[in-house]
Amino acid sequence: MLKFRGNEYPCCASLTMGIIGGKWKTVILYHLIDKKLRYNELRKSMPTVTERTLSLQLKALEEDGLINRTVYTSKPPLKVEYNLTDFGKTLIPLIQSIANWGDFVVENYSE
């Protein structure tokens, strides 16, 4: 058994999927590879995600230490930005491979 942040996983693949699995986490991380984004920018880049789901997924990614949430309160309106942590950046090769595979499938197997 592998342990990470209070959870137990039967193998390394299970741990990885437990952290980045699901429909939206990898997509969020993909959009944060090159830049910081505000909540609304993320929302616009993923038009089919609900606000509740996006908020929950961002919170989970932050709790797992993959993204930073920075709140700027010096002047209204409130500004919140998200970016990858150093730990989150270790996923870039994996996320890029997933994206490249998606491009490969579209180029070679779509009708």
PDB file of N, CA and C in Angstrom:
ATOM      1  N   MET A   1       0.832  -1.189   0.000  1.00  0.00           N
ATOM      2  CA  MET A   1       0.000   0.000   0.000  1.00  0.00           C
ATOM      3  C   MET A   1       0.876   1.252   0.000  1.00  0.00           C
ATOM      4  N   LEU A   2       0.452   2.216  -0.800  1.00  0.00           N
ATOM      5  CA  LEU A   2       1.136   3.502  -0.845  1.00  0.00           C
ATOM      6  C   LEU A   2       0.271   4.529  -0.127  1.00  0.00           C
ATOM      7  N   LYS A   3       0.902   5.439   0.603  1.00  0.00           N
ATOM      8  CA  LYS A   3       0.163   6.462   1.325  1.00  0.00           C
ATOM      9  C   LYS A   3       0.557   7.841   0.804  1.00  0.00           C
ATOM     10  N   PHE A   4      -0.457   8.688   0.612  1.00  0.00           N
ATOM     11  CA  PHE A   4      -0.219  10.064   0.192  1.00  0.00           C
ATOM     12  C   PHE A   4      -1.303  10.935   0.793  1.00  0.00           C
ATOM     13  N   ARG A   5      -0.905  11.905   1.593  1.00  0.00           N
ATOM     14  CA  ARG A   5      -1.811  12.872   2.209  1.00  0.00           C
ATOM     15  C   ARG A   5      -3.023  12.221   2.881  1.00  0.00           C
ATOM     16  N   GLY A   6      -2.742  11.171   3.641  1.00  0.00           N
ATOM     17  CA  GLY A   6      -3.791  10.516   4.414  1.00  0.00           C
ATOM     18  C   GLY A   6      -4.615   9.484   3.675  1.00  0.00           C
ATOM     19  N   ASN A   7      -4.340   9.284   2.396  1.00  0.00           N
ATOM     20  CA  ASN A   7      -5.064   8.274   1.616  1.00  0.00           C
ATOM     21  C   ASN A   7      -4.141   7.113   1.287  1.00  0.00           C
ATOM     22  N   GLU A   8      -4.718   5.934   1.170  1.00  0.00           N
ATOM     23  CA  GLU A   8      -3.954   4.749   0.809  1.00  0.00           C
ATOM     24  C   GLU A   8      -4.325   4.310  -0.600  1.00  0.00           C
ATOM     25  N   TYR A   9      -3.315   3.877  -1.349  1.00  0.00           N
ATOM     26  CA  TYR A   9      -3.501   3.440  -2.735  1.00  0.00           C
ATOM     27  C   TYR A   9      -2.824   2.090  -2.922  1.00  0.00           C
ATOM     28  N   PRO A  10      -3.456   1.162  -3.666  1.00  0.00           N
ATOM     29  CA  PRO A  10      -2.886  -0.172  -3.838  1.00  0.00           C
ATOM     30  C   PRO A  10      -1.657  -0.209  -4.740  1.00  0.00           C
ATOM     31  N   CYS A  11      -1.487   0.802  -5.628  1.00  0.00           N
ATOM     32  CA  CYS A  11      -0.319   0.821  -6.513  1.00  0.00           C
ATOM     33  C   CYS A  11      -0.048   2.249  -6.965  1.00  0.00           C
ATOM     34  N   CYS A  12       1.076   2.427  -7.639  1.00  0.00           N
ATOM     35  CA  CYS A  12       1.475   3.770  -8.069  1.00  0.00           C
ATOM     36  C   CYS A  12       0.509   4.348  -9.108  1.00  0.00           C
ATOM     37  N   ALA A  13      -0.034   3.522  -9.994  1.00  0.00           N
ATOM     38  CA  ALA A  13      -0.997   4.020 -10.987  1.00  0.00           C
ATOM     39  C   ALA A  13      -2.273   4.495 -10.296  1.00  0.00           C
ATOM     40  N   SER A  14      -2.699   3.783  -9.281  1.00  0.00           N
ATOM     41  CA  SER A  14      -3.879   4.167  -8.520  1.00  0.00           C
ATOM     42  C   SER A  14      -3.649   5.502  -7.810  1.00  0.00           C
ATOM     43  N   LEU A  15      -2.478   5.699  -7.260  1.00  0.00           N
ATOM     44  CA  LEU A  15      -2.136   6.957  -6.606  1.00  0.00           C
ATOM     45  C   LEU A  15      -2.195   8.104  -7.616  1.00  0.00           C
ATOM     46  N   THR A  16      -1.578   7.921  -8.773  1.00  0.00           N
ATOM     47  CA  THR A  16      -1.571   8.963  -9.802  1.00  0.00           C
ATOM     48  C   THR A  16      -2.979   9.319 -10.223  1.00  0.00           C
ATOM     49  N   MET A  17      -3.792   8.306 -10.507  1.00  0.00           N
ATOM     50  CA  MET A  17      -5.161   8.565 -10.949  1.00  0.00           C
ATOM     51  C   MET A  17      -6.013   9.139  -9.812  1.00  0.00           C
ATOM     52  N   GLY A  18      -5.700   8.791  -8.592  1.00  0.00           N
ATOM     53  CA  GLY A  18      -6.408   9.367  -7.454  1.00  0.00           C
ATOM     54  C   GLY A  18      -6.157  10.861  -7.336  1.00  0.00           C
ATOM     55  N   ILE A  19      -4.975  11.292  -7.736  1.00  0.00           N
ATOM     56  CA  ILE A  19      -4.619  12.703  -7.636  1.00  0.00           C
ATOM     57  C   ILE A  19      -5.086  13.493  -8.859  1.00  0.00           C
ATOM     58  N   ILE A  20      -4.888  12.959 -10.063  1.00  0.00           N
ATOM     59  CA  ILE A  20      -5.217  13.737 -11.268  1.00  0.00           C
ATOM     60  C   ILE A  20      -6.362  13.143 -12.073  1.00  0.00           C
ATOM     61  N   GLY A  21      -6.972  12.076 -11.581  1.00  0.00           N
ATOM     62  CA  GLY A  21      -8.032  11.414 -12.325  1.00  0.00           C
ATOM     63  C   GLY A  21      -9.313  12.223 -12.365  1.00  0.00           C
ATOM     64  N   GLY A  22     -10.242  11.733 -13.131  1.00  0.00           N
ATOM     65  CA  GLY A  22     -11.503  12.426 -13.303  1.00  0.00           C
ATOM     66  C   GLY A  22     -11.490  13.220 -14.594  1.00  0.00           C
ATOM     67  N   LYS A  23     -12.615  13.808 -14.891  1.00  0.00           N
ATOM     68  CA  LYS A  23     -12.791  14.478 -16.174  1.00  0.00           C
ATOM     69  C   LYS A  23     -12.075  15.826 -16.264  1.00  0.00           C
ATOM     70  N   TRP A  24     -11.915  16.543 -15.160  1.00  0.00           N
ATOM     71  CA  TRP A  24     -11.476  17.932 -15.250  1.00  0.00           C
ATOM     72  C   TRP A  24     -10.104  18.255 -14.690  1.00  0.00           C
ATOM     73  N   LYS A  25      -9.585  17.480 -13.755  1.00  0.00           N
ATOM     74  CA  LYS A  25      -8.316  17.849 -13.122  1.00  0.00           C
ATOM     75  C   LYS A  25      -7.181  17.971 -14.131  1.00  0.00           C
ATOM     76  N   THR A  26      -7.050  16.997 -15.016  1.00  0.00           N
ATOM     77  CA  THR A  26      -5.976  17.035 -16.000  1.00  0.00           C
ATOM     78  C   THR A  26      -6.167  18.202 -16.960  1.00  0.00           C
ATOM     79  N   VAL A  27      -7.414  18.503 -17.296  1.00  0.00           N
ATOM     80  CA  VAL A  27      -7.702  19.636 -18.188  1.00  0.00           C
ATOM     81  C   VAL A  27      -7.297  20.945 -17.516  1.00  0.00           C
ATOM     82  N   ILE A  28      -7.621  21.097 -16.256  1.00  0.00           N
ATOM     83  CA  ILE A  28      -7.223  22.299 -15.507  1.00  0.00           C
ATOM     84  C   ILE A  28      -5.702  22.422 -15.493  1.00  0.00           C
ATOM     85  N   LEU A  29      -5.023  21.332 -15.152  1.00  0.00           N
ATOM     86  CA  LEU A  29      -3.556  21.355 -15.113  1.00  0.00           C
ATOM     87  C   LEU A  29      -2.976  21.688 -16.480  1.00  0.00           C
ATOM     88  N   TYR A  30      -3.571  21.156 -17.537  1.00  0.00           N
ATOM     89  CA  TYR A  30      -3.109  21.433 -18.895  1.00  0.00           C
ATOM     90  C   TYR A  30      -3.166  22.941 -19.194  1.00  0.00           C
ATOM     91  N   HIS A  31      -4.251  23.569 -18.810  1.00  0.00           N
ATOM     92  CA  HIS A  31      -4.396  25.000 -19.074  1.00  0.00           C
ATOM     93  C   HIS A  31      -3.453  25.852 -18.231  1.00  0.00           C
ATOM     94  N   LEU A  32      -2.959  25.307 -17.133  1.00  0.00           N
ATOM     95  CA  LEU A  32      -2.048  26.055 -16.267  1.00  0.00           C
ATOM     96  C   LEU A  32      -0.573  25.776 -16.546  1.00  0.00           C
ATOM     97  N   ILE A  33      -0.277  24.971 -17.555  1.00  0.00           N
ATOM     98  CA  ILE A  33       1.121  24.622 -17.846  1.00  0.00           C
ATOM     99  C   ILE A  33       1.967  25.861 -18.110  1.00  0.00           C
ATOM    100  N   ASP A  34       1.486  26.764 -18.939  1.00  0.00           N
ATOM    101  CA  ASP A  34       2.313  27.884 -19.386  1.00  0.00           C
ATOM    102  C   ASP A  34       2.070  29.203 -18.672  1.00  0.00           C
ATOM    103  N   LYS A  35       0.967  29.295 -17.920  1.00  0.00           N
ATOM    104  CA  LYS A  35       0.643  30.615 -17.381  1.00  0.00           C
ATOM    105  C   LYS A  35      -0.292  30.529 -16.185  1.00  0.00           C
ATOM    106  N   LYS A  36      -0.319  31.645 -15.460  1.00  0.00           N
ATOM    107  CA  LYS A  36      -1.304  31.808 -14.394  1.00  0.00           C
ATOM    108  C   LYS A  36      -2.626  32.172 -15.051  1.00  0.00           C
ATOM    109  N   LEU A  37      -3.711  31.686 -14.477  1.00  0.00           N
ATOM    110  CA  LEU A  37      -5.026  32.024 -14.997  1.00  0.00           C
ATOM    111  C   LEU A  37      -5.963  32.393 -13.851  1.00  0.00           C
ATOM    112  N   ARG A  38      -6.853  33.327 -14.134  1.00  0.00           N
ATOM    113  CA  ARG A  38      -7.904  33.670 -13.191  1.00  0.00           C
ATOM    114  C   ARG A  38      -9.038  32.666 -13.346  1.00  0.00           C
ATOM    115  N   TYR A  39      -9.906  32.624 -12.347  1.00  0.00           N
ATOM    116  CA  TYR A  39     -11.012  31.665 -12.354  1.00  0.00           C
ATOM    117  C   TYR A  39     -11.822  31.778 -13.642  1.00  0.00           C
ATOM    118  N   ASN A  40     -12.206  32.987 -14.019  1.00  0.00           N
ATOM    119  CA  ASN A  40     -13.041  33.166 -15.211  1.00  0.00           C
ATOM    120  C   ASN A  40     -12.315  32.773 -16.494  1.00  0.00           C
ATOM    121  N   GLU A  41     -11.005  32.951 -16.533  1.00  0.00           N
ATOM    122  CA  GLU A  41     -10.236  32.518 -17.704  1.00  0.00           C
ATOM    123  C   GLU A  41     -10.260  30.993 -17.819  1.00  0.00           C
ATOM    124  N   LEU A  42     -10.116  30.323 -16.693  1.00  0.00           N
ATOM    125  CA  LEU A  42     -10.225  28.858 -16.691  1.00  0.00           C
ATOM    126  C   LEU A  42     -11.623  28.438 -17.121  1.00  0.00           C
ATOM    127  N   ARG A  43     -12.614  29.084 -16.591  1.00  0.00           N
ATOM    128  CA  ARG A  43     -14.011  28.759 -16.906  1.00  0.00           C
ATOM    129  C   ARG A  43     -14.285  28.911 -18.402  1.00  0.00           C
ATOM    130  N   LYS A  44     -13.761  29.976 -19.011  1.00  0.00           N
ATOM    131  CA  LYS A  44     -13.964  30.204 -20.444  1.00  0.00           C
ATOM    132  C   LYS A  44     -13.224  29.175 -21.295  1.00  0.00           C
ATOM    133  N   SER A  45     -12.104  28.689 -20.800  1.00  0.00           N
ATOM    134  CA  SER A  45     -11.350  27.692 -21.564  1.00  0.00           C
ATOM    135  C   SER A  45     -11.959  26.299 -21.463  1.00  0.00           C
ATOM    136  N   MET A  46     -12.905  26.118 -20.545  1.00  0.00           N
ATOM    137  CA  MET A  46     -13.612  24.851 -20.359  1.00  0.00           C
ATOM    138  C   MET A  46     -15.100  25.135 -20.274  1.00  0.00           C
ATOM    139  N   PRO A  47     -15.738  25.493 -21.388  1.00  0.00           N
ATOM    140  CA  PRO A  47     -17.122  25.978 -21.339  1.00  0.00           C
ATOM    141  C   PRO A  47     -18.160  24.960 -20.860  1.00  0.00           C
ATOM    142  N   THR A  48     -17.854  23.675 -20.888  1.00  0.00           N
ATOM    143  CA  THR A  48     -18.857  22.691 -20.469  1.00  0.00           C
ATOM    144  C   THR A  48     -18.764  22.302 -18.996  1.00  0.00           C
ATOM    145  N   VAL A  49     -17.767  22.795 -18.279  1.00  0.00           N
ATOM    146  CA  VAL A  49     -17.656  22.482 -16.852  1.00  0.00           C
ATOM    147  C   VAL A  49     -18.582  23.415 -16.070  1.00  0.00           C
ATOM    148  N   THR A  50     -19.226  22.877 -15.055  1.00  0.00           N
ATOM    149  CA  THR A  50     -20.080  23.726 -14.220  1.00  0.00           C
ATOM    150  C   THR A  50     -19.201  24.496 -13.242  1.00  0.00           C
ATOM    151  N   GLU A  51     -19.726  25.605 -12.749  1.00  0.00           N
ATOM    152  CA  GLU A  51     -18.968  26.415 -11.791  1.00  0.00           C
ATOM    153  C   GLU A  51     -18.679  25.626 -10.516  1.00  0.00           C
ATOM    154  N   ARG A  52     -19.654  24.869 -10.066  1.00  0.00           N
ATOM    155  CA  ARG A  52     -19.471  24.057  -8.855  1.00  0.00           C
ATOM    156  C   ARG A  52     -18.370  23.032  -9.043  1.00  0.00           C
ATOM    157  N   THR A  53     -18.390  22.335 -10.166  1.00  0.00           N
ATOM    158  CA  THR A  53     -17.365  21.322 -10.433  1.00  0.00           C
ATOM    159  C   THR A  53     -15.992  21.959 -10.530  1.00  0.00           C
ATOM    160  N   LEU A  54     -15.891  23.069 -11.256  1.00  0.00           N
ATOM    161  CA  LEU A  54     -14.595  23.740 -11.383  1.00  0.00           C
ATOM    162  C   LEU A  54     -14.077  24.159 -10.017  1.00  0.00           C
ATOM    163  N   SER A  55     -14.930  24.731  -9.201  1.00  0.00           N
ATOM    164  CA  SER A  55     -14.514  25.156  -7.865  1.00  0.00           C
ATOM    165  C   SER A  55     -14.036  23.975  -7.016  1.00  0.00           C
ATOM    166  N   LEU A  56     -14.783  22.873  -7.064  1.00  0.00           N
ATOM    167  CA  LEU A  56     -14.402  21.689  -6.284  1.00  0.00           C
ATOM    168  C   LEU A  56     -13.082  21.096  -6.769  1.00  0.00           C
ATOM    169  N   GLN A  57     -12.899  21.047  -8.079  1.00  0.00           N
ATOM    170  CA  GLN A  57     -11.670  20.472  -8.633  1.00  0.00           C
ATOM    171  C   GLN A  57     -10.464  21.359  -8.323  1.00  0.00           C
ATOM    172  N   LEU A  58     -10.638  22.667  -8.407  1.00  0.00           N
ATOM    173  CA  LEU A  58      -9.552  23.589  -8.050  1.00  0.00           C
ATOM    174  C   LEU A  58      -9.175  23.421  -6.587  1.00  0.00           C
ATOM    175  N   LYS A  59     -10.166  23.293  -5.742  1.00  0.00           N
ATOM    176  CA  LYS A  59      -9.915  23.106  -4.310  1.00  0.00           C
ATOM    177  C   LYS A  59      -9.152  21.802  -4.058  1.00  0.00           C
ATOM    178  N   ALA A  60      -9.554  20.722  -4.733  1.00  0.00           N
ATOM    179  CA  ALA A  60      -8.876  19.430  -4.565  1.00  0.00           C
ATOM    180  C   ALA A  60      -7.429  19.508  -5.050  1.00  0.00           C
ATOM    181  N   LEU A  61      -7.203  20.156  -6.184  1.00  0.00           N
ATOM    182  CA  LEU A  61      -5.842  20.294  -6.709  1.00  0.00           C
ATOM    183  C   LEU A  61      -4.974  21.132  -5.771  1.00  0.00           C
ATOM    184  N   GLU A  62      -5.576  22.146  -5.171  1.00  0.00           N
ATOM    185  CA  GLU A  62      -4.848  22.972  -4.210  1.00  0.00           C
ATOM    186  C   GLU A  62      -4.516  22.173  -2.953  1.00  0.00           C
ATOM    187  N   GLU A  63      -5.481  21.398  -2.465  1.00  0.00           N
ATOM    188  CA  GLU A  63      -5.256  20.582  -1.266  1.00  0.00           C
ATOM    189  C   GLU A  63      -4.165  19.539  -1.489  1.00  0.00           C
ATOM    190  N   ASP A  64      -4.063  19.021  -2.715  1.00  0.00           N
ATOM    191  CA  ASP A  64      -3.020  18.036  -3.021  1.00  0.00           C
ATOM    192  C   ASP A  64      -1.680  18.688  -3.342  1.00  0.00           C
ATOM    193  N   GLY A  65      -1.630  20.011  -3.319  1.00  0.00           N
ATOM    194  CA  GLY A  65      -0.366  20.716  -3.505  1.00  0.00           C
ATOM    195  C   GLY A  65       0.055  20.877  -4.953  1.00  0.00           C
ATOM    196  N   LEU A  66      -0.882  20.700  -5.900  1.00  0.00           N
ATOM    197  CA  LEU A  66      -0.528  20.799  -7.315  1.00  0.00           C
ATOM    198  C   LEU A  66      -0.676  22.211  -7.872  1.00  0.00           C
ATOM    199  N   ILE A  67      -1.564  22.999  -7.278  1.00  0.00           N
ATOM    200  CA  ILE A  67      -1.732  24.377  -7.738  1.00  0.00           C
ATOM    201  C   ILE A  67      -1.713  25.337  -6.560  1.00  0.00           C
ATOM    202  N   ASN A  68      -1.334  26.569  -6.859  1.00  0.00           N
ATOM    203  CA  ASN A  68      -1.416  27.668  -5.896  1.00  0.00           C
ATOM    204  C   ASN A  68      -2.622  28.511  -6.228  1.00  0.00           C
ATOM    205  N   ARG A  69      -3.278  28.997  -5.197  1.00  0.00           N
ATOM    206  CA  ARG A  69      -4.372  29.954  -5.340  1.00  0.00           C
ATOM    207  C   ARG A  69      -3.898  31.232  -4.668  1.00  0.00           C
ATOM    208  N   THR A  70      -3.758  32.293  -5.459  1.00  0.00           N
ATOM    209  CA  THR A  70      -3.294  33.566  -4.934  1.00  0.00           C
ATOM    210  C   THR A  70      -4.429  34.572  -5.015  1.00  0.00           C
ATOM    211  N   VAL A  71      -4.737  35.184  -3.864  1.00  0.00           N
ATOM    212  CA  VAL A  71      -5.811  36.173  -3.789  1.00  0.00           C
ATOM    213  C   VAL A  71      -5.180  37.550  -3.639  1.00  0.00           C
ATOM    214  N   TYR A  72      -5.572  38.464  -4.523  1.00  0.00           N
ATOM    215  CA  TYR A  72      -5.110  39.846  -4.463  1.00  0.00           C
ATOM    216  C   TYR A  72      -6.263  40.698  -3.951  1.00  0.00           C
ATOM    217  N   THR A  73      -6.067  41.337  -2.798  1.00  0.00           N
ATOM    218  CA  THR A  73      -7.144  42.107  -2.188  1.00  0.00           C
ATOM    219  C   THR A  73      -6.792  43.585  -2.052  1.00  0.00           C
ATOM    220  N   SER A  74      -5.703  44.018  -2.678  1.00  0.00           N
ATOM    221  CA  SER A  74      -5.262  45.402  -2.487  1.00  0.00           C
ATOM    222  C   SER A  74      -6.284  46.417  -2.984  1.00  0.00           C
ATOM    223  N   LYS A  75      -6.999  46.077  -4.046  1.00  0.00           N
ATOM    224  CA  LYS A  75      -8.039  46.977  -4.524  1.00  0.00           C
ATOM    225  C   LYS A  75      -9.162  46.146  -5.147  1.00  0.00           C
ATOM    226  N   PRO A  76     -10.396  46.606  -4.993  1.00  0.00           N
ATOM    227  CA  PRO A  76     -11.517  45.884  -5.599  1.00  0.00           C
ATOM    228  C   PRO A  76     -11.434  45.962  -7.119  1.00  0.00           C
ATOM    229  N   PRO A  77     -11.963  45.024  -7.868  1.00  0.00           N
ATOM    230  CA  PRO A  77     -12.600  43.802  -7.371  1.00  0.00           C
ATOM    231  C   PRO A  77     -11.552  42.760  -6.973  1.00  0.00           C
ATOM    232  N   LEU A  78     -11.977  41.812  -6.168  1.00  0.00           N
ATOM    233  CA  LEU A  78     -11.122  40.730  -5.719  1.00  0.00           C
ATOM    234  C   LEU A  78     -10.565  39.983  -6.927  1.00  0.00           C
ATOM    235  N   LYS A  79      -9.275  39.687  -6.901  1.00  0.00           N
ATOM    236  CA  LYS A  79      -8.637  38.989  -8.013  1.00  0.00           C
ATOM    237  C   LYS A  79      -8.004  37.707  -7.475  1.00  0.00           C
ATOM    238  N   VAL A  80      -8.317  36.575  -8.109  1.00  0.00           N
ATOM    239  CA  VAL A  80      -7.771  35.283  -7.704  1.00  0.00           C
ATOM    240  C   VAL A  80      -7.089  34.664  -8.919  1.00  0.00           C
ATOM    241  N   GLU A  81      -5.838  34.237  -8.748  1.00  0.00           N
ATOM    242  CA  GLU A  81      -5.100  33.575  -9.826  1.00  0.00           C
ATOM    243  C   GLU A  81      -4.681  32.184  -9.386  1.00  0.00           C
ATOM    244  N   TYR A  82      -4.611  31.289 -10.366  1.00  0.00           N
ATOM    245  CA  TYR A  82      -4.163  29.922 -10.126  1.00  0.00           C
ATOM    246  C   TYR A  82      -2.939  29.653 -10.979  1.00  0.00           C
ATOM    247  N   ASN A  83      -1.981  28.926 -10.417  1.00  0.00           N
ATOM    248  CA  ASN A  83      -0.808  28.493 -11.168  1.00  0.00           C
ATOM    249  C   ASN A  83      -0.283  27.190 -10.582  1.00  0.00           C
ATOM    250  N   LEU A  84       0.544  26.507 -11.368  1.00  0.00           N
ATOM    251  CA  LEU A  84       1.127  25.246 -10.906  1.00  0.00           C
ATOM    252  C   LEU A  84       2.178  25.493  -9.837  1.00  0.00           C
ATOM    253  N   THR A  85       2.205  24.643  -8.833  1.00  0.00           N
ATOM    254  CA  THR A  85       3.289  24.658  -7.853  1.00  0.00           C
ATOM    255  C   THR A  85       4.479  23.919  -8.466  1.00  0.00           C
ATOM    256  N   ASP A  86       5.605  23.924  -7.783  1.00  0.00           N
ATOM    257  CA  ASP A  86       6.750  23.138  -8.259  1.00  0.00           C
ATOM    258  C   ASP A  86       6.377  21.665  -8.330  1.00  0.00           C
ATOM    259  N   PHE A  87       5.615  21.192  -7.345  1.00  0.00           N
ATOM    260  CA  PHE A  87       5.144  19.808  -7.352  1.00  0.00           C
ATOM    261  C   PHE A  87       4.230  19.575  -8.549  1.00  0.00           C
ATOM    262  N   GLY A  88       3.335  20.504  -8.811  1.00  0.00           N
ATOM    263  CA  GLY A  88       2.440  20.401  -9.963  1.00  0.00           C
ATOM    264  C   GLY A  88       3.195  20.386 -11.281  1.00  0.00           C
ATOM    265  N   LYS A  89       4.290  21.131 -11.353  1.00  0.00           N
ATOM    266  CA  LYS A  89       5.096  21.183 -12.580  1.00  0.00           C
ATOM    267  C   LYS A  89       5.738  19.839 -12.903  1.00  0.00           C
ATOM    268  N   THR A  90       5.877  18.970 -11.911  1.00  0.00           N
ATOM    269  CA  THR A  90       6.440  17.638 -12.190  1.00  0.00           C
ATOM    270  C   THR A  90       5.491  16.819 -13.058  1.00  0.00           C
ATOM    271  N   LEU A  91       4.228  17.237 -13.151  1.00  0.00           N
ATOM    272  CA  LEU A  91       3.239  16.541 -13.985  1.00  0.00           C
ATOM    273  C   LEU A  91       3.245  17.002 -15.441  1.00  0.00           C
ATOM    274  N   ILE A  92       3.972  18.067 -15.763  1.00  0.00           N
ATOM    275  CA  ILE A  92       3.942  18.608 -17.122  1.00  0.00           C
ATOM    276  C   ILE A  92       4.262  17.550 -18.179  1.00  0.00           C
ATOM    277  N   PRO A  93       5.325  16.746 -18.036  1.00  0.00           N
ATOM    278  CA  PRO A  93       5.588  15.734 -19.080  1.00  0.00           C
ATOM    279  C   PRO A  93       4.432  14.738 -19.242  1.00  0.00           C
ATOM    280  N   LEU A  94       3.825  14.347 -18.149  1.00  0.00           N
ATOM    281  CA  LEU A  94       2.690  13.421 -18.199  1.00  0.00           C
ATOM    282  C   LEU A  94       1.485  14.063 -18.885  1.00  0.00           C
ATOM    283  N   ILE A  95       1.161  15.280 -18.502  1.00  0.00           N
ATOM    284  CA  ILE A  95       0.020  15.978 -19.096  1.00  0.00           C
ATOM    285  C   ILE A  95       0.264  16.243 -20.574  1.00  0.00           C
ATOM    286  N   GLN A  96       1.485  16.626 -20.920  1.00  0.00           N
ATOM    287  CA  GLN A  96       1.813  16.871 -22.322  1.00  0.00           C
ATOM    288  C   GLN A  96       1.698  15.579 -23.133  1.00  0.00           C
ATOM    289  N   SER A  97       2.116  14.463 -22.562  1.00  0.00           N
ATOM    290  CA  SER A  97       1.973  13.163 -23.242  1.00  0.00           C
ATOM    291  C   SER A  97       0.504  12.821 -23.471  1.00  0.00           C
ATOM    292  N   ILE A  98      -0.333  13.082 -22.484  1.00  0.00           N
ATOM    293  CA  ILE A  98      -1.765  12.827 -22.626  1.00  0.00           C
ATOM    294  C   ILE A  98      -2.340  13.702 -23.747  1.00  0.00           C
ATOM    295  N   ALA A  99      -1.955  14.975 -23.770  1.00  0.00           N
ATOM    296  CA  ALA A  99      -2.431  15.885 -24.818  1.00  0.00           C
ATOM    297  C   ALA A  99      -1.935  15.440 -26.189  1.00  0.00           C
ATOM    298  N   ASN A 100      -0.674  15.041 -26.277  1.00  0.00           N
ATOM    299  CA  ASN A 100      -0.117  14.581 -27.554  1.00  0.00           C
ATOM    300  C   ASN A 100      -0.839  13.332 -28.052  1.00  0.00           C
ATOM    301  N   TRP A 101      -1.167  12.430 -27.143  1.00  0.00           N
ATOM    302  CA  TRP A 101      -1.893  11.221 -27.524  1.00  0.00           C
ATOM    303  C   TRP A 101      -3.273  11.582 -28.069  1.00  0.00           C
ATOM    304  N   GLY A 102      -3.928  12.565 -27.445  1.00  0.00           N
ATOM    305  CA  GLY A 102      -5.225  13.029 -27.934  1.00  0.00           C
ATOM    306  C   GLY A 102      -5.120  13.568 -29.357  1.00  0.00           C
ATOM    307  N   ASP A 103      -4.070  14.351 -29.634  1.00  0.00           N
ATOM    308  CA  ASP A 103      -3.833  14.853 -30.995  1.00  0.00           C
ATOM    309  C   ASP A 103      -3.604  13.697 -31.963  1.00  0.00           C
ATOM    310  N   PHE A 104      -2.826  12.709 -31.538  1.00  0.00           N
ATOM    311  CA  PHE A 104      -2.539  11.529 -32.365  1.00  0.00           C
ATOM    312  C   PHE A 104      -3.825  10.785 -32.722  1.00  0.00           C
ATOM    313  N   VAL A 105      -4.702  10.606 -31.740  1.00  0.00           N
ATOM    314  CA  VAL A 105      -5.965   9.902 -31.979  1.00  0.00           C
ATOM    315  C   VAL A 105      -6.812  10.652 -33.003  1.00  0.00           C
ATOM    316  N   VAL A 106      -6.908  11.966 -32.845  1.00  0.00           N
ATOM    317  CA  VAL A 106      -7.701  12.768 -33.778  1.00  0.00           C
ATOM    318  C   VAL A 106      -7.129  12.682 -35.181  1.00  0.00           C
ATOM    319  N   GLU A 107      -5.804  12.753 -35.308  1.00  0.00           N
ATOM    320  CA  GLU A 107      -5.153  12.734 -36.614  1.00  0.00           C
ATOM    321  C   GLU A 107      -5.244  11.357 -37.290  1.00  0.00           C
ATOM    322  N   ASN A 108      -5.222  10.300 -36.517  1.00  0.00           N
ATOM    323  CA  ASN A 108      -5.097   8.960 -37.098  1.00  0.00           C
ATOM    324  C   ASN A 108      -6.323   8.066 -36.991  1.00  0.00           C
ATOM    325  N   TYR A 109      -7.222   8.364 -36.090  1.00  0.00           N
ATOM    326  CA  TYR A 109      -8.325   7.424 -35.860  1.00  0.00           C
ATOM    327  C   TYR A 109      -9.715   8.062 -35.907  1.00  0.00           C
ATOM    328  N   SER A 110      -9.809   9.357 -36.102  1.00  0.00           N
ATOM    329  CA  SER A 110     -11.145   9.928 -36.164  1.00  0.00           C
ATOM    330  C   SER A 110     -11.685   9.825 -37.586  1.00  0.00           C
ATOM    331  N   GLU A 111     -12.979   9.799 -37.679  1.00  0.00           N
ATOM    332  CA  GLU A 111     -13.608   9.592 -38.995  1.00  0.00           C
ATOM    333  C   GLU A 111     -13.997  10.877 -39.648  1.00  0.00           C
TER     334      GLU A 111
END
